[in-house]
C-alpha atoms as a PDB file:
ATOM      1  CA  UNK A   1     -13.783 -27.136  -6.575  1.00  0.00           C
ATOM      2  CA  UNK A   2     -11.470 -24.934  -8.623  1.00  0.00           C
ATOM      3  CA  UNK A   3     -13.232 -21.839  -7.393  1.00  0.00           C
ATOM      4  CA  UNK A   4     -12.896 -23.038  -3.790  1.00  0.00           C
ATOM      5  CA  UNK A   5      -9.022 -23.519  -4.160  1.00  0.00           C
ATOM      6  CA  UNK A   6      -8.743 -20.158  -5.747  1.00  0.00           C
ATOM      7  CA  UNK A   7     -10.591 -18.298  -2.968  1.00  0.00           C
ATOM      8  CA  UNK A   8      -9.513 -20.195   0.050  1.00  0.00           C
ATOM      9  CA  UNK A   9      -5.990 -20.596   1.545  1.00  0.00           C
ATOM     10  CA  UNK A  10      -4.730 -23.769   3.509  1.00  0.00           C
ATOM     11  CA  UNK A  11      -5.202 -23.142   7.113  1.00  0.00           C
ATOM     12  CA  UNK A  12      -3.667 -26.481   8.628  1.00  0.00           C
ATOM     13  CA  UNK A  13      -0.901 -25.960  11.392  1.00  0.00           C
ATOM     14  CA  UNK A  14      -1.773 -22.222  11.976  1.00  0.00           C
ATOM     15  CA  UNK A  15      -1.974 -20.674  15.343  1.00  0.00           C
ATOM     16  CA  UNK A  16      -5.388 -19.455  16.502  1.00  0.00           C
ATOM     17  CA  UNK A  17      -5.786 -15.709  16.731  1.00  0.00           C
ATOM     18  CA  UNK A  18      -8.822 -13.574  16.118  1.00  0.00           C
ATOM     19  CA  UNK A  19      -8.295 -10.526  13.924  1.00  0.00           C
ATOM     20  CA  UNK A  20     -11.179  -8.797  12.345  1.00  0.00           C
ATOM     21  CA  UNK A  21     -12.531  -5.471  11.253  1.00  0.00           C
ATOM     22  CA  UNK A  22     -14.998  -3.362   9.428  1.00  0.00           C
ATOM     23  CA  UNK A  23     -15.158  -0.822   6.961  1.00  0.00           C
ATOM     24  CA  UNK A  24     -16.068   2.672   8.144  1.00  0.00           C
ATOM     25  CA  UNK A  25     -16.470   6.121   6.423  1.00  0.00           C
ATOM     26  CA  UNK A  26     -13.015   6.637   4.515  1.00  0.00           C
ATOM     27  CA  UNK A  27     -11.281   3.959   6.671  1.00  0.00           C
ATOM     28  CA  UNK A  28     -11.212   0.646   8.545  1.00  0.00           C
ATOM     29  CA  UNK A  29     -11.462  -0.571  11.920  1.00  0.00           C
ATOM     30  CA  UNK A  30      -9.450  -3.476  12.999  1.00  0.00           C
ATOM     31  CA  UNK A  31      -9.830  -5.537  16.012  1.00  0.00           C
ATOM     32  CA  UNK A  32      -7.190  -7.840  17.525  1.00  0.00           C
ATOM     33  CA  UNK A  33      -6.850  -9.612  20.929  1.00  0.00           C
ATOM     34  CA  UNK A  34      -7.081  -6.873  23.743  1.00  0.00           C
ATOM     35  CA  UNK A  35      -7.655  -3.984  21.577  1.00  0.00           C
ATOM     36  CA  UNK A  36      -9.287  -2.308  18.420  1.00  0.00           C
ATOM     37  CA  UNK A  37      -8.198   0.685  16.338  1.00  0.00           C
ATOM     38  CA  UNK A  38      -9.804   2.895  13.593  1.00  0.00           C
ATOM     39  CA  UNK A  39      -7.916   4.670  10.926  1.00  0.00           C
ATOM     40  CA  UNK A  40      -9.361   7.095   8.792  1.00  0.00           C
ATOM     41  CA  UNK A  41      -7.941   9.187   5.754  1.00  0.00           C
ATOM     42  CA  UNK A  42      -9.056  12.819   6.104  1.00  0.00           C
ATOM     43  CA  UNK A  43      -9.832  14.958   2.954  1.00  0.00           C
ATOM     44  CA  UNK A  44      -6.381  16.535   3.095  1.00  0.00           C
ATOM     45  CA  UNK A  45      -4.902  12.955   2.670  1.00  0.00           C
ATOM     46  CA  UNK A  46      -3.576  12.590   6.416  1.00  0.00           C
ATOM     47  CA  UNK A  47      -4.393   9.287   8.043  1.00  0.00           C
ATOM     48  CA  UNK A  48      -5.565   9.806  11.670  1.00  0.00           C
ATOM     49  CA  UNK A  49      -6.418   6.913  14.005  1.00  0.00           C
ATOM     50  CA  UNK A  50      -7.471   6.140  17.470  1.00  0.00           C
ATOM     51  CA  UNK A  51      -6.890   2.875  19.579  1.00  0.00           C
ATOM     52  CA  UNK A  52      -8.905   1.447  22.557  1.00  0.00           C
ATOM     53  CA  UNK A  53      -8.287  -1.369  24.751  1.00  0.00           C
ATOM     54  CA  UNK A  54     -10.926  -4.144  24.687  1.00  0.00           C
ATOM     55  CA  UNK A  55     -11.829  -7.391  26.278  1.00  0.00           C
ATOM     56  CA  UNK A  56     -14.804  -9.564  25.357  1.00  0.00           C
ATOM     57  CA  UNK A  57     -17.470 -10.206  27.944  1.00  0.00           C
ATOM     58  CA  UNK A  58     -17.169 -13.817  27.005  1.00  0.00           C
ATOM     59  CA  UNK A  59     -13.545 -13.798  28.345  1.00  0.00           C
ATOM     60  CA  UNK A  60     -14.565 -12.261  31.566  1.00  0.00           C
ATOM     61  CA  UNK A  61     -17.607 -14.252  32.381  1.00  0.00           C
ATOM     62  CA  UNK A  62     -17.314 -17.816  31.499  1.00  0.00           C
ATOM     63  CA  UNK A  63     -21.137 -18.626  30.870  1.00  0.00           C
ATOM     64  CA  UNK A  64     -21.384 -16.051  28.264  1.00  0.00           C
ATOM     65  CA  UNK A  65     -18.789 -17.900  26.135  1.00  0.00           C
ATOM     66  CA  UNK A  66     -21.147 -20.842  26.019  1.00  0.00           C
ATOM     67  CA  UNK A  67     -22.324 -22.001  22.460  1.00  0.00           C
ATOM     68  CA  UNK A  68     -25.193 -19.768  21.184  1.00  0.00           C
ATOM     69  CA  UNK A  69     -24.973 -17.378  24.036  1.00  0.00           C
ATOM     70  CA  UNK A  70     -21.303 -16.509  22.680  1.00  0.00           C
ATOM     71  CA  UNK A  71     -22.990 -15.507  19.203  1.00  0.00           C
ATOM     72  CA  UNK A  72     -25.337 -12.997  20.754  1.00  0.00           C
ATOM     73  CA  UNK A  73     -22.620 -11.492  22.946  1.00  0.00           C
ATOM     74  CA  UNK A  74     -20.185 -11.268  20.153  1.00  0.00           C
ATOM     75  CA  UNK A  75     -22.746  -9.553  17.803  1.00  0.00           C
ATOM     76  CA  UNK A  76     -23.968  -7.039  20.493  1.00  0.00           C
ATOM     77  CA  UNK A  77     -20.063  -6.238  21.048  1.00  0.00           C
ATOM     78  CA  UNK A  78     -19.484  -6.127  17.337  1.00  0.00           C
ATOM     79  CA  UNK A  79     -22.225  -3.576  16.902  1.00  0.00           C
ATOM     80  CA  UNK A  80     -21.129  -1.337  19.969  1.00  0.00           C
ATOM     81  CA  UNK A  81     -17.457  -1.112  18.540  1.00  0.00           C
ATOM     82  CA  UNK A  82     -18.846  -0.606  14.945  1.00  0.00           C
ATOM     83  CA  UNK A  83     -21.098   2.139  15.737  1.00  0.00           C
ATOM     84  CA  UNK A  84     -18.382   3.764  17.791  1.00  0.00           C
ATOM     85  CA  UNK A  85     -15.995   3.476  14.934  1.00  0.00           C
ATOM     86  CA  UNK A  86     -18.409   4.683  12.549  1.00  0.00           C
ATOM     87  CA  UNK A  87     -18.996   7.878  14.704  1.00  0.00           C
ATOM     88  CA  UNK A  88     -15.207   8.453  14.991  1.00  0.00           C
ATOM     89  CA  UNK A  89     -14.763   8.066  11.059  1.00  0.00           C
ATOM     90  CA  UNK A  90     -17.756  10.405  10.403  1.00  0.00           C
ATOM     91  CA  UNK A  91     -16.180  12.996  12.803  1.00  0.00           C
ATOM     92  CA  UNK A  92     -12.763  12.782  11.282  1.00  0.00           C
ATOM     93  CA  UNK A  93     -13.826  12.462   7.562  1.00  0.00           C
ATOM     94  CA  UNK A  94     -16.194  15.476   7.786  1.00  0.00           C
ATOM     95  CA  UNK A  95     -14.753  17.583  10.302  1.00  0.00           C
ATOM     96  CA  UNK A  96     -11.329  16.620  11.065  1.00  0.00           C
ATOM     97  CA  UNK A  97     -11.500  16.519  14.739  1.00  0.00           C
ATOM     98  CA  UNK A  98     -13.481  14.847  17.394  1.00  0.00           C
ATOM     99  CA  UNK A  99     -15.960  17.150  19.290  1.00  0.00           C
ATOM    100  CA  UNK A 100     -15.150  17.455  22.920  1.00  0.00           C
ATOM    101  CA  UNK A 101     -18.598  17.043  23.894  1.00  0.00           C
ATOM    102  CA  UNK A 102     -21.761  16.088  22.196  1.00  0.00           C
ATOM    103  CA  UNK A 103     -25.012  17.963  22.785  1.00  0.00           C
ATOM    104  CA  UNK A 104     -27.993  15.860  24.334  1.00  0.00           C
ATOM    105  CA  UNK A 105     -29.812  16.591  20.995  1.00  0.00           C
ATOM    106  CA  UNK A 106     -26.967  15.313  18.895  1.00  0.00           C
ATOM    107  CA  UNK A 107     -26.982  12.022  20.989  1.00  0.00           C
ATOM    108  CA  UNK A 108     -30.927  11.650  20.890  1.00  0.00           C
ATOM    109  CA  UNK A 109     -30.661  12.208  17.017  1.00  0.00           C
ATOM    110  CA  UNK A 110     -28.169   9.387  16.892  1.00  0.00           C
ATOM    111  CA  UNK A 111     -30.311   7.120  18.849  1.00  0.00           C
ATOM    112  CA  UNK A 112     -33.284   7.949  16.786  1.00  0.00           C
ATOM    113  CA  UNK A 113     -31.551   7.324  13.510  1.00  0.00           C
ATOM    114  CA  UNK A 114     -30.279   3.938  14.989  1.00  0.00           C
ATOM    115  CA  UNK A 115     -33.744   2.894  16.127  1.00  0.00           C
ATOM    116  CA  UNK A 116     -35.072   3.824  12.950  1.00  0.00           C
ATOM    117  CA  UNK A 117     -32.537   1.637  10.958  1.00  0.00           C
ATOM    118  CA  UNK A 118     -33.341  -1.277  13.398  1.00  0.00           C
ATOM    119  CA  UNK A 119     -37.227  -0.808  12.639  1.00  0.00           C
ATOM    120  CA  UNK A 120     -36.552  -0.562   8.834  1.00  0.00           C
ATOM    121  CA  UNK A 121     -34.434  -3.702   9.052  1.00  0.00           C
ATOM    122  CA  UNK A 122     -37.125  -5.645  10.938  1.00  0.00           C
ATOM    123  CA  UNK A 123     -40.008  -4.486   8.672  1.00  0.00           C
ATOM    124  CA  UNK A 124     -38.278  -5.063   5.343  1.00  0.00           C
ATOM    125  CA  UNK A 125     -36.218  -8.512   6.201  1.00  0.00           C
ATOM    126  CA  UNK A 126     -38.853  -9.694   8.863  1.00  0.00           C
ATOM    127  CA  UNK A 127     -42.279  -8.513   8.935  1.00  0.00           C
ATOM    128  CA  UNK A 128     -42.659  -8.000   4.974  1.00  0.00           C
ATOM    129  CA  UNK A 129     -41.807 -11.568   4.085  1.00  0.00           C
ATOM    130  CA  UNK A 130     -44.078 -12.994   6.640  1.00  0.00           C
ATOM    131  CA  UNK A 131     -47.052 -10.527   5.441  1.00  0.00           C
ATOM    132  CA  UNK A 132     -46.386 -11.501   1.755  1.00  0.00           C
ATOM    133  CA  UNK A 133     -46.254 -15.179   2.299  1.00  0.00           C
ATOM    134  CA  UNK A 134     -49.602 -15.030   4.365  1.00  0.00           C
ATOM    135  CA  UNK A 135     -51.356 -12.590   1.747  1.00  0.00           C
ATOM    136  CA  UNK A 136     -50.244 -14.402  -1.367  1.00  0.00           C
ATOM    137  CA  UNK A 137     -50.184 -18.028  -0.518  1.00  0.00           C
ATOM    138  CA  UNK A 138     -52.530 -20.300   1.340  1.00  0.00           C
ATOM    139  CA  UNK A 139     -49.782 -22.218   3.261  1.00  0.00           C
ATOM    140  CA  UNK A 140     -50.256 -20.812   6.906  1.00  0.00           C
ATOM    141  CA  UNK A 141     -50.721 -24.381   8.181  1.00  0.00           C
ATOM    142  CA  UNK A 142     -47.675 -26.042   6.626  1.00  0.00           C
ATOM    143  CA  UNK A 143     -44.758 -24.999   8.706  1.00  0.00           C
ATOM    144  CA  UNK A 144     -41.908 -26.030   6.371  1.00  0.00           C
ATOM    145  CA  UNK A 145     -43.753 -24.662   3.225  1.00  0.00           C
ATOM    146  CA  UNK A 146     -44.529 -21.335   4.812  1.00  0.00           C
ATOM    147  CA  UNK A 147     -41.071 -20.716   6.101  1.00  0.00           C
ATOM    148  CA  UNK A 148     -39.375 -21.854   2.915  1.00  0.00           C
ATOM    149  CA  UNK A 149     -41.427 -19.189   0.901  1.00  0.00           C
ATOM    150  CA  UNK A 150     -40.822 -16.559   3.637  1.00  0.00           C
ATOM    151  CA  UNK A 151     -37.267 -17.293   3.823  1.00  0.00           C
ATOM    152  CA  UNK A 152     -37.030 -17.167   0.149  1.00  0.00           C
ATOM    153  CA  UNK A 153     -38.537 -13.578   0.089  1.00  0.00           C
ATOM    154  CA  UNK A 154     -36.014 -12.757   2.851  1.00  0.00           C
ATOM    155  CA  UNK A 155     -33.031 -13.817   1.031  1.00  0.00           C
ATOM    156  CA  UNK A 156     -34.406 -12.027  -2.319  1.00  0.00           C
ATOM    157  CA  UNK A 157     -34.950  -8.740  -0.421  1.00  0.00           C
ATOM    158  CA  UNK A 158     -31.458  -9.007   1.137  1.00  0.00           C
ATOM    159  CA  UNK A 159     -29.861  -9.443  -2.376  1.00  0.00           C
ATOM    160  CA  UNK A 160     -31.903  -6.511  -3.946  1.00  0.00           C
ATOM    161  CA  UNK A 161     -30.941  -4.353  -0.933  1.00  0.00           C
ATOM    162  CA  UNK A 162     -27.244  -5.074  -1.373  1.00  0.00           C
ATOM    163  CA  UNK A 163     -27.437  -4.786  -5.189  1.00  0.00           C
ATOM    164  CA  UNK A 164     -29.453  -1.361  -4.964  1.00  0.00           C
ATOM    165  CA  UNK A 165     -26.940   0.322  -2.221  1.00  0.00           C
ATOM    166  CA  UNK A 166     -23.795  -0.886  -4.123  1.00  0.00           C
ATOM    167  CA  UNK A 167     -24.862   1.610  -7.034  1.00  0.00           C
ATOM    168  CA  UNK A 168     -24.241   4.379  -4.606  1.00  0.00           C
ATOM    169  CA  UNK A 169     -21.001   6.173  -4.951  1.00  0.00           C
ATOM    170  CA  UNK A 170     -20.222   6.430  -1.205  1.00  0.00           C
ATOM    171  CA  UNK A 171     -21.377   2.978  -0.575  1.00  0.00           C
ATOM    172  CA  UNK A 172     -19.047   1.738  -3.320  1.00  0.00           C
ATOM    173  CA  UNK A 173     -16.189   3.429  -1.565  1.00  0.00           C
ATOM    174  CA  UNK A 174     -17.105   1.841   1.725  1.00  0.00           C
ATOM    175  CA  UNK A 175     -17.221  -1.630  -0.170  1.00  0.00           C
ATOM    176  CA  UNK A 176     -13.581  -0.705  -1.476  1.00  0.00           C
ATOM    177  CA  UNK A 177     -12.486  -0.286   2.190  1.00  0.00           C
ATOM    178  CA  UNK A 178     -14.043  -3.473   2.960  1.00  0.00           C
ATOM    179  CA  UNK A 179     -12.115  -5.160   0.277  1.00  0.00           C
ATOM    180  CA  UNK A 180      -9.010  -3.533   1.813  1.00  0.00           C
ATOM    181  CA  UNK A 181      -9.909  -4.842   5.367  1.00  0.00           C
ATOM    182  CA  UNK A 182     -10.136  -8.396   3.916  1.00  0.00           C
ATOM    183  CA  UNK A 183      -7.012  -8.333   2.002  1.00  0.00           C
ATOM    184  CA  UNK A 184      -4.921  -6.981   4.730  1.00  0.00           C
ATOM    185  CA  UNK A 185      -6.450  -9.754   7.158  1.00  0.00           C
ATOM    186  CA  UNK A 186      -5.644 -12.357   4.547  1.00  0.00           C
ATOM    187  CA  UNK A 187      -2.070 -11.058   4.048  1.00  0.00           C
ATOM    188  CA  UNK A 188      -1.532 -11.046   7.844  1.00  0.00           C
ATOM    189  CA  UNK A 189      -2.917 -14.600   8.494  1.00  0.00           C
ATOM    190  CA  UNK A 190      -0.733 -15.838   5.707  1.00  0.00           C
ATOM    191  CA  UNK A 191       2.463 -14.579   7.411  1.00  0.00           C
ATOM    192  CA  UNK A 192       3.395 -11.889   4.679  1.00  0.00           C
ATOM    193  CA  UNK A 193       5.788  -9.122   5.328  1.00  0.00           C
ATOM    194  CA  UNK A 194       2.735  -6.716   5.382  1.00  0.00           C
ATOM    195  CA  UNK A 195       3.945  -4.108   2.714  1.00  0.00           C
ATOM    196  CA  UNK A 196       1.300  -2.830   0.322  1.00  0.00           C
ATOM    197  CA  UNK A 197       2.791  -4.975  -2.420  1.00  0.00           C
ATOM    198  CA  UNK A 198       2.517  -8.160  -0.185  1.00  0.00           C
ATOM    199  CA  UNK A 199      -1.166  -7.299   0.522  1.00  0.00           C
ATOM    200  CA  UNK A 200      -2.436  -6.231  -2.926  1.00  0.00           C
ATOM    201  CA  UNK A 201      -2.555  -9.779  -4.570  1.00  0.00           C
ATOM    202  CA  UNK A 202      -4.965 -11.281  -2.167  1.00  0.00           C
ATOM    203  CA  UNK A 203      -8.696 -11.621  -2.902  1.00  0.00           C
ATOM    204  CA  UNK A 204     -11.338  -9.456  -1.313  1.00  0.00           C
ATOM    205  CA  UNK A 205     -13.486 -12.466  -0.329  1.00  0.00           C
ATOM    206  CA  UNK A 206     -12.934 -13.823   3.094  1.00  0.00           C
ATOM    207  CA  UNK A 207     -15.025 -16.970   4.393  1.00  0.00           C
ATOM    208  CA  UNK A 208     -15.448 -15.330   7.819  1.00  0.00           C
ATOM    209  CA  UNK A 209     -17.124 -11.951   6.588  1.00  0.00           C
ATOM    210  CA  UNK A 210     -20.174 -10.582   8.139  1.00  0.00           C
ATOM    211  CA  UNK A 211     -21.886 -10.912   4.731  1.00  0.00           C
ATOM    212  CA  UNK A 212     -21.244 -14.704   4.941  1.00  0.00           C
ATOM    213  CA  UNK A 213     -22.654 -14.706   8.553  1.00  0.00           C
ATOM    214  CA  UNK A 214     -25.950 -13.012   7.437  1.00  0.00           C
ATOM    215  CA  UNK A 215     -26.384 -15.526   4.597  1.00  0.00           C
ATOM    216  CA  UNK A 216     -25.927 -18.253   7.087  1.00  0.00           C
ATOM    217  CA  UNK A 217     -28.477 -16.834   9.480  1.00  0.00           C
ATOM    218  CA  UNK A 218     -30.939 -16.172   6.818  1.00  0.00           C
ATOM    219  CA  UNK A 219     -30.693 -19.946   5.976  1.00  0.00           C
ATOM    220  CA  UNK A 220     -30.797 -21.092   9.765  1.00  0.00           C
ATOM    221  CA  UNK A 221     -33.804 -18.928  10.247  1.00  0.00           C
ATOM    222  CA  UNK A 222     -35.678 -20.968   7.747  1.00  0.00           C
ATOM    223  CA  UNK A 223     -35.029 -24.327   9.779  1.00  0.00           C
ATOM    224  CA  UNK A 224     -35.346 -22.825  13.161  1.00  0.00           C
ATOM    225  CA  UNK A 225     -38.558 -21.102  12.324  1.00  0.00           C
ATOM    226  CA  UNK A 226     -39.943 -24.131  10.777  1.00  0.00           C
ATOM    227  CA  UNK A 227     -39.476 -26.183  13.863  1.00  0.00           C
ATOM    228  CA  UNK A 228     -40.934 -23.664  16.121  1.00  0.00           C
ATOM    229  CA  UNK A 229     -44.180 -23.146  13.742  1.00  0.00           C
ATOM    230  CA  UNK A 230     -44.517 -26.919  13.708  1.00  0.00           C
ATOM    231  CA  UNK A 231     -44.604 -27.265  17.476  1.00  0.00           C
ATOM    232  CA  UNK A 232     -47.048 -24.143  17.542  1.00  0.00           C
ATOM    233  CA  UNK A 233     -49.192 -25.798  15.040  1.00  0.00           C
ATOM    234  CA  UNK A 234     -49.508 -28.962  17.067  1.00  0.00           C
ATOM    235  CA  UNK A 235     -50.233 -27.058  20.319  1.00  0.00           C
ATOM    236  CA  UNK A 236     -52.566 -24.251  18.893  1.00  0.00           C
ATOM    237  CA  UNK A 237     -53.967 -25.907  15.914  1.00  0.00           C
ATOM    238  CA  UNK A 238     -53.489 -22.914  13.742  1.00  0.00           C
ATOM    239  CA  UNK A 239     -51.191 -20.074  13.421  1.00  0.00           C
ATOM    240  CA  UNK A 240     -51.952 -16.502  12.465  1.00  0.00           C
ATOM    241  CA  UNK A 241     -49.520 -13.713  11.265  1.00  0.00           C
ATOM    242  CA  UNK A 242     -49.841 -11.868  14.546  1.00  0.00           C
ATOM    243  CA  UNK A 243     -48.983 -15.329  16.481  1.00  0.00           C
ATOM    244  CA  UNK A 244     -46.209 -15.894  14.095  1.00  0.00           C
ATOM    245  CA  UNK A 245     -44.667 -12.474  14.905  1.00  0.00           C
ATOM    246  CA  UNK A 246     -45.001 -12.682  18.565  1.00  0.00           C
ATOM    247  CA  UNK A 247     -43.072 -16.038  18.504  1.00  0.00           C
ATOM    248  CA  UNK A 248     -40.582 -15.404  15.773  1.00  0.00           C
ATOM    249  CA  UNK A 249     -39.367 -11.845  16.981  1.00  0.00           C
ATOM    250  CA  UNK A 250     -37.849 -13.139  20.276  1.00  0.00           C
ATOM    251  CA  UNK A 251     -36.197 -16.093  18.459  1.00  0.00           C
ATOM    252  CA  UNK A 252     -33.931 -13.650  16.425  1.00  0.00           C
ATOM    253  CA  UNK A 253     -31.118 -13.852  19.003  1.00  0.00           C
ATOM    254  CA  UNK A 254     -31.451 -17.658  18.787  1.00  0.00           C
ATOM    255  CA  UNK A 255     -31.150 -17.424  14.957  1.00  0.00           C
ATOM    256  CA  UNK A 256     -27.963 -15.260  15.171  1.00  0.00           C
ATOM    257  CA  UNK A 257     -26.398 -17.679  17.727  1.00  0.00           C
ATOM    258  CA  UNK A 258     -26.938 -20.540  15.228  1.00  0.00           C
ATOM    259  CA  UNK A 259     -25.700 -18.511  12.403  1.00  0.00           C
ATOM    260  CA  UNK A 260     -22.558 -17.539  14.658  1.00  0.00           C
ATOM    261  CA  UNK A 261     -21.822 -21.297  15.419  1.00  0.00           C
ATOM    262  CA  UNK A 262     -22.159 -22.097  11.611  1.00  0.00           C
ATOM    263  CA  UNK A 263     -19.420 -19.539  10.857  1.00  0.00           C
ATOM    264  CA  UNK A 264     -17.215 -21.235  13.572  1.00  0.00           C
ATOM    265  CA  UNK A 265     -18.067 -24.453  12.214  1.00  0.00           C
ATOM    266  CA  UNK A 266     -16.981 -23.680   8.686  1.00  0.00           C
ATOM    267  CA  UNK A 267     -13.880 -21.667   9.789  1.00  0.00           C
ATOM    268  CA  UNK A 268     -12.436 -24.551  11.545  1.00  0.00           C
ATOM    269  CA  UNK A 269     -13.263 -26.943   8.826  1.00  0.00           C
ATOM    270  CA  UNK A 270     -12.613 -24.793   5.857  1.00  0.00           C
ATOM    271  CA  UNK A 271     -10.145 -27.167   4.133  1.00  0.00           C
ATOM    272  CA  UNK A 272     -12.763 -29.934   3.856  1.00  0.00           C
ATOM    273  CA  UNK A 273     -14.216 -29.913   0.505  1.00  0.00           C
ATOM    274  CA  UNK A 274     -18.043 -30.272   1.636  1.00  0.00           C
ATOM    275  CA  UNK A 275     -17.476 -27.203   3.970  1.00  0.00           C
ATOM    276  CA  UNK A 276     -15.681 -25.418   1.166  1.00  0.00           C
ATOM    277  CA  UNK A 277     -18.862 -25.689  -0.986  1.00  0.00           C
ATOM    278  CA  UNK A 278     -21.076 -24.459   1.946  1.00  0.00           C
ATOM    279  CA  UNK A 279     -18.928 -21.269   2.242  1.00  0.00           C
ATOM    280  CA  UNK A 280     -19.486 -20.374  -1.632  1.00  0.00           C
ATOM    281  CA  UNK A 281     -22.982 -18.562  -1.315  1.00  0.00           C
ATOM    282  CA  UNK A 282     -21.413 -16.135   1.305  1.00  0.00           C
ATOM    283  CA  UNK A 283     -18.173 -15.653  -0.881  1.00  0.00           C
ATOM    284  CA  UNK A 284     -20.500 -14.910  -3.954  1.00  0.00           C
ATOM    285  CA  UNK A 285     -22.397 -12.261  -1.971  1.00  0.00           C
ATOM    286  CA  UNK A 286     -19.102 -10.748  -1.165  1.00  0.00           C
ATOM    287  CA  UNK A 287     -18.783  -9.934  -4.896  1.00  0.00           C
ATOM    288  CA  UNK A 288     -21.410  -7.261  -4.158  1.00  0.00           C
ATOM    289  CA  UNK A 289     -20.225  -6.082  -0.837  1.00  0.00           C
ATOM    290  CA  UNK A 290     -16.501  -5.898  -1.248  1.00  0.00           C
ATOM    291  CA  UNK A 291     -14.787  -4.086  -4.359  1.00  0.00           C
ATOM    292  CA  UNK A 292     -11.211  -3.820  -5.436  1.00  0.00           C
ATOM    293  CA  UNK A 293      -9.349  -1.185  -3.259  1.00  0.00           C
ATOM    294  CA  UNK A 294      -6.603   1.019  -4.479  1.00  0.00           C
ATOM    295  CA  UNK A 295      -3.155   1.197  -2.550  1.00  0.00           C
ATOM    296  CA  UNK A 296      -4.200   4.326  -0.375  1.00  0.00           C
ATOM    297  CA  UNK A 297      -7.064   2.186   1.044  1.00  0.00           C
ATOM    298  CA  UNK A 298      -4.772  -0.521   1.648  1.00  0.00           C
ATOM    299  CA  UNK A 299      -2.459   1.865   3.347  1.00  0.00           C
ATOM    300  CA  UNK A 300      -5.317   2.778   5.935  1.00  0.00           C
ATOM    301  CA  UNK A 301      -6.128  -0.852   6.490  1.00  0.00           C
ATOM    302  CA  UNK A 302      -2.662  -1.592   7.274  1.00  0.00           C
ATOM    303  CA  UNK A 303      -2.175   1.310   9.530  1.00  0.00           C
ATOM    304  CA  UNK A 304      -5.270   0.251  11.501  1.00  0.00           C
ATOM    305  CA  UNK A 305      -3.905  -3.206  11.936  1.00  0.00           C
ATOM    306  CA  UNK A 306      -0.511  -2.029  13.190  1.00  0.00           C
ATOM    307  CA  UNK A 307      -2.300   0.712  15.516  1.00  0.00           C
ATOM    308  CA  UNK A 308      -4.609  -1.925  16.845  1.00  0.00           C
ATOM    309  CA  UNK A 309      -1.420  -4.469  17.840  1.00  0.00           C
ATOM    310  CA  UNK A 310       0.531  -1.616  19.133  1.00  0.00           C
ATOM    311  CA  UNK A 311       3.704  -2.623  20.720  1.00  0.00           C
ATOM    312  CA  UNK A 312       3.140  -6.223  19.999  1.00  0.00           C
ATOM    313  CA  UNK A 313       2.889  -5.695  16.307  1.00  0.00           C
ATOM    314  CA  UNK A 314       6.494  -7.140  15.608  1.00  0.00           C
ATOM    315  CA  UNK A 315       5.693 -10.222  17.877  1.00  0.00           C
ATOM    316  CA  UNK A 316       2.717 -11.147  15.654  1.00  0.00           C
ATOM    317  CA  UNK A 317       3.852  -9.980  12.091  1.00  0.00           C
ATOM    318  CA  UNK A 318       5.007 -13.094  10.090  1.00  0.00           C
ATOM    319  CA  UNK A 319       3.219 -15.641  11.981  1.00  0.00           C
ATOM    320  CA  UNK A 320       0.339 -17.712  10.199  1.00  0.00           C
ATOM    321  CA  UNK A 321      -2.978 -17.665  11.863  1.00  0.00           C
ATOM    322  CA  UNK A 322      -6.512 -19.039  11.558  1.00  0.00           C
ATOM    323  CA  UNK A 323      -9.528 -17.991  13.549  1.00  0.00           C
ATOM    324  CA  UNK A 324     -13.012 -19.475  14.252  1.00  0.00           C
ATOM    325  CA  UNK A 325     -15.083 -16.494  14.546  1.00  0.00           C
ATOM    326  CA  UNK A 326     -16.569 -13.792  12.336  1.00  0.00           C
ATOM    327  CA  UNK A 327     -14.026 -11.405  11.051  1.00  0.00           C
END
């Protein structure tokens, strides 16, 4: 309980507002109501930034804001914004300017790399755990045992992946900017004056982080796939690896939707002791995916937040807020 109190701050009687972000190459993207901004520190030390207006599809189309559906929509939008922000940060950090036009070959290369990354993630965190469980254990006909084991493999692979990439110098800097993003959001939500000295004391661990969302989704996947397999075994009598893949792959959006609802639930009830304990695994994982930033990184994160709010910055600064979605 001491650790929970240390990591989590009281959120009672706070206004609701969604402020989130993402670490990018030598910078931070911040998302606020109606807009998002990306700030990057160039090699010469200058901070450059861009701001774009943005409104969620779930706000424009009511049915897209329904439970489970809103999670899939939110993740799709986060990926779209995140990839654009990463491209901007790469252009600014490496070249110092945005190319006026990108050649068709450059766009195809970007698409190919994105598809390869998705295929690699599916193979490592989805196909391989199912194959290993089938090859090593004779528990194909036990839906719950099979998914507990394959889910365990999935979690272990995820941990190993995070630990291995955290050893890379460039990734460590990315994780430092991730920490700067969290500290800045914490200080903003806590109503601080938003000077570097105000932001510095805050923890880099945030309960709404995407890392926590991924862990919740990994656990949720065990439960959902166990139920699906139980129904399939009842209907078909047996399950092969091919059948499991054919049924599990289309269910990934459903798993992500439940993971999103899990994050919303814990964010709304974060002060409850039991919910606080539920957030601990995700916070522990952030000890890998966030690192302590220096003041120059905090300056970039703060710049991104201010630019995102634009003319509304002074109207929001100094208030205390809470949110119920992924940061």
